[in-house]
């Protein structure tokens, strides 16, 4: 059964102002972020501007600063019911008071940073259980940028250089937070040339759909439908019709061959159906200039 909640995953470099996300887990392009994706998150939440937002800064190395920046960004959209959870251990993630805050929230936002911190700290805890239950059964919004997006799926890429991604064993995959099944998400995708990471992930498990999120770009997911939002591109890698690969035959560290992998490119307004695996491209009307 499709979840009743909504998932918004963002590729990164969407900024609150002062610091580069690559260093601190903060985004970089404030106007788009607050006027675009942050606004969309607010619009999709149950009570709009009056919704209760909780910012989960666990992935970041500077959680207090990140939380402050998100509060400022929401304030510019006249959203003021915003809390910050600086949870840094599994012990904290099992505290009843944090679980109660999740139960009262309408929106949870996972910030950027290190996705392994998210899975190792939250996986199997009371907070994780409450998040999964609320997302499955209520009109709850979960959003994540960069690491927060990468950790959203059941399978998660956590390591692997772009230039060596198609060498056997270079890309490392583990379990994510499991808000969406049968996909795997990579972020900063276009800017860091990460197509090889998704090709490898899809070749090693052709039943999953690879999702590469460009910066300033996201996917709004409700039910079995994904809508591209933002200023950049989303790359989809579909391995279901892969004809052949030598992945199991070559030695570790050797190049991998792949035959007949399907790749789609999505931009703002395009829709992808996860049930029938069909992409519908949005054709905006061009206004002629005089």
Foldseek 3Di string as FASTA:
>chain_A
DFAQEKEKEAQFQAALDDDPCVQWLGHHNPVLVLVFVVQVLQVLFDVRLAFAEEEEEQQGPPQVVRQVSVCVSSVVVVRHNYYYDNDHALVSLQDPVVLVSLVRGQEYEYTGHALVSVCVNNPPHSNLVSVLVCRRYHHHYYYYYQSGNQQQAQKHWRFAAQVQLQFFPRIDIDGHSHSYYQEGEHHCDPVRNNPSNQVVVCVVPLSHKYKYHHHQKIWIDGGQKTFITGDDKIKIKHRPPWDDKCNVPDDGRHGIDTHDIDMDIAHGGWMAGNVVGDIDHDDDDDDDDD
